[in-house]
Amino acid sequence: TSQQVMFDTALAQTKAARENGRALHQKVKDAMVAELAKSEPDLAAVASVADGVQQQGIALRHQVRDAWLQVYATFSTEQKAVVRDMLQKHMARMDSFRQRMKDHLFGAG
């Protein structure tokens, strides 16, 4: 169906964006390593690279988000309920994880 095609496209965009994100992160790391190898590192140059990478990352995330929102817009009420339930479960797991980490790091109570 058209939903499957849109889903597959959004998934492919997500995977490509993840790989691009890794490459962008490496670009910042490489800039930092190159500057730290100098006797007087230019941290402003690293910041400039990081700022550019951040903007590219935001654009990638927006493209992926918009692709998934297009898929979601085609869903029936029942399909949207499935997504809602999955997101609620995911949020509950994340809240539980954050609480466990907080307890672990700062002690319970």
Protein backbone atom coordinates (compact mmCIF):
# COMPACT_ATOMS: atom_id res chain seq x y z
CA THR A 1 0.00 0.00 0.00
CA SER A 2 0.99 3.63 -0.13
CA GLN A 3 1.42 3.59 3.64
CA GLN A 4 4.04 0.86 3.33
CA VAL A 5 5.95 2.83 0.70
CA MET A 6 5.84 5.96 2.87
CA PHE A 7 6.88 3.93 5.92
CA ASP A 8 9.81 2.36 4.07
CA THR A 9 10.89 5.79 2.79
CA ALA A 10 10.71 7.32 6.28
CA LEU A 11 12.67 4.38 7.69
CA ALA A 12 15.35 4.76 5.02
CA GLN A 13 15.56 8.50 5.76
CA THR A 14 15.92 7.72 9.47
CA LYS A 15 18.79 5.31 8.84
CA ALA A 16 20.52 7.73 6.46
CA ALA A 17 20.13 10.58 8.94
CA ARG A 18 21.66 8.43 11.70
CA GLU A 19 24.70 7.71 9.54
CA ASN A 20 24.95 11.38 8.57
CA GLY A 21 24.73 12.30 12.24
CA ARG A 22 27.62 10.00 13.04
CA ALA A 23 29.68 11.53 10.23
CA LEU A 24 28.84 15.03 11.47
CA HIS A 25 29.88 14.11 15.01
CA GLN A 26 33.15 12.74 13.64
CA LYS A 27 33.69 16.04 11.82
CA VAL A 28 33.57 17.93 15.13
CA LYS A 29 35.82 15.38 16.80
CA ASP A 30 38.34 15.60 13.96
CA ALA A 31 38.32 19.41 14.18
CA MET A 32 38.97 19.23 17.93
CA VAL A 33 41.80 16.72 17.52
CA ALA A 34 43.40 18.87 14.82
CA GLU A 35 43.19 22.00 16.93
CA LEU A 36 44.49 20.30 20.08
CA ALA A 37 47.52 19.15 18.12
CA LYS A 38 48.49 22.81 17.69
CA SER A 39 50.48 24.73 20.26
CA GLU A 40 47.69 27.33 20.37
CA PRO A 41 44.40 25.63 19.52
CA ASP A 42 41.74 27.82 17.93
CA LEU A 43 38.71 26.83 19.97
CA ALA A 44 36.58 29.35 18.10
CA ALA A 45 37.24 27.36 14.92
CA VAL A 46 36.04 24.20 16.65
CA ALA A 47 32.97 26.04 17.91
CA SER A 48 32.26 27.21 14.38
CA VAL A 49 32.45 23.64 13.07
CA ALA A 50 30.24 22.46 15.93
CA ASP A 51 27.68 25.19 15.21
CA GLY A 52 27.54 24.22 11.54
CA VAL A 53 27.17 20.56 12.43
CA GLN A 54 24.40 21.39 14.87
CA GLN A 55 22.46 23.26 12.18
CA GLN A 56 22.88 20.37 9.75
CA GLY A 57 21.73 17.96 12.44
CA ILE A 58 18.63 20.01 13.13
CA ALA A 59 17.77 20.06 9.43
CA LEU A 60 18.21 16.27 9.23
CA ARG A 61 16.03 15.69 12.29
CA HIS A 62 13.30 17.92 10.86
CA GLN A 63 13.36 16.06 7.54
CA VAL A 64 13.01 12.72 9.30
CA ARG A 65 10.32 14.00 11.66
CA ASP A 66 8.33 15.41 8.74
CA ALA A 67 8.56 12.10 6.86
CA TRP A 68 7.18 10.23 9.88
CA LEU A 69 4.45 12.83 10.37
CA GLN A 70 3.40 12.30 6.74
CA VAL A 71 3.11 8.58 7.40
CA TYR A 72 1.15 9.21 10.60
CA ALA A 73 -1.25 11.53 8.76
CA THR A 74 -2.33 8.59 6.58
CA PHE A 75 -3.19 6.38 9.57
CA SER A 76 -6.69 5.35 10.53
CA THR A 77 -8.04 6.07 13.99
CA GLU A 78 -7.13 2.53 15.04
CA GLN A 79 -3.57 2.86 13.73
CA LYS A 80 -3.17 6.18 15.54
CA ALA A 81 -4.35 4.49 18.75
CA VAL A 82 -1.61 1.86 18.33
CA VAL A 83 0.99 4.62 17.91
CA ARG A 84 -0.40 6.47 20.95
CA ASP A 85 -0.20 3.34 23.09
CA MET A 86 3.36 2.61 21.95
CA LEU A 87 4.45 6.17 22.72
CA GLN A 88 2.83 6.07 26.15
CA LYS A 89 4.64 2.82 26.96
CA HIS A 90 7.91 4.26 25.69
CA MET A 91 7.49 7.38 27.82
CA ALA A 92 6.73 5.27 30.89
CA ARG A 93 9.87 3.17 30.30
CA MET A 94 11.97 6.30 29.90
CA ASP A 95 10.53 7.82 33.08
CA SER A 96 11.29 4.60 34.94
CA PHE A 97 14.82 4.53 33.53
CA ARG A 98 15.45 8.16 34.52
CA GLN A 99 14.20 7.46 38.02
CA ARG A 100 16.44 4.39 38.35
CA MET A 101 19.44 6.42 37.17
CA LYS A 102 18.59 9.24 39.56
CA ASP A 103 18.29 6.76 42.44
CA HIS A 104 21.54 5.09 41.42
CA LEU A 105 23.47 8.35 41.08
CA PHE A 106 22.02 10.31 43.97
CA GLY A 107 20.65 7.61 46.22
CA ALA A 108 17.03 6.79 46.82
CA GLY A 109 15.09 9.20 48.94
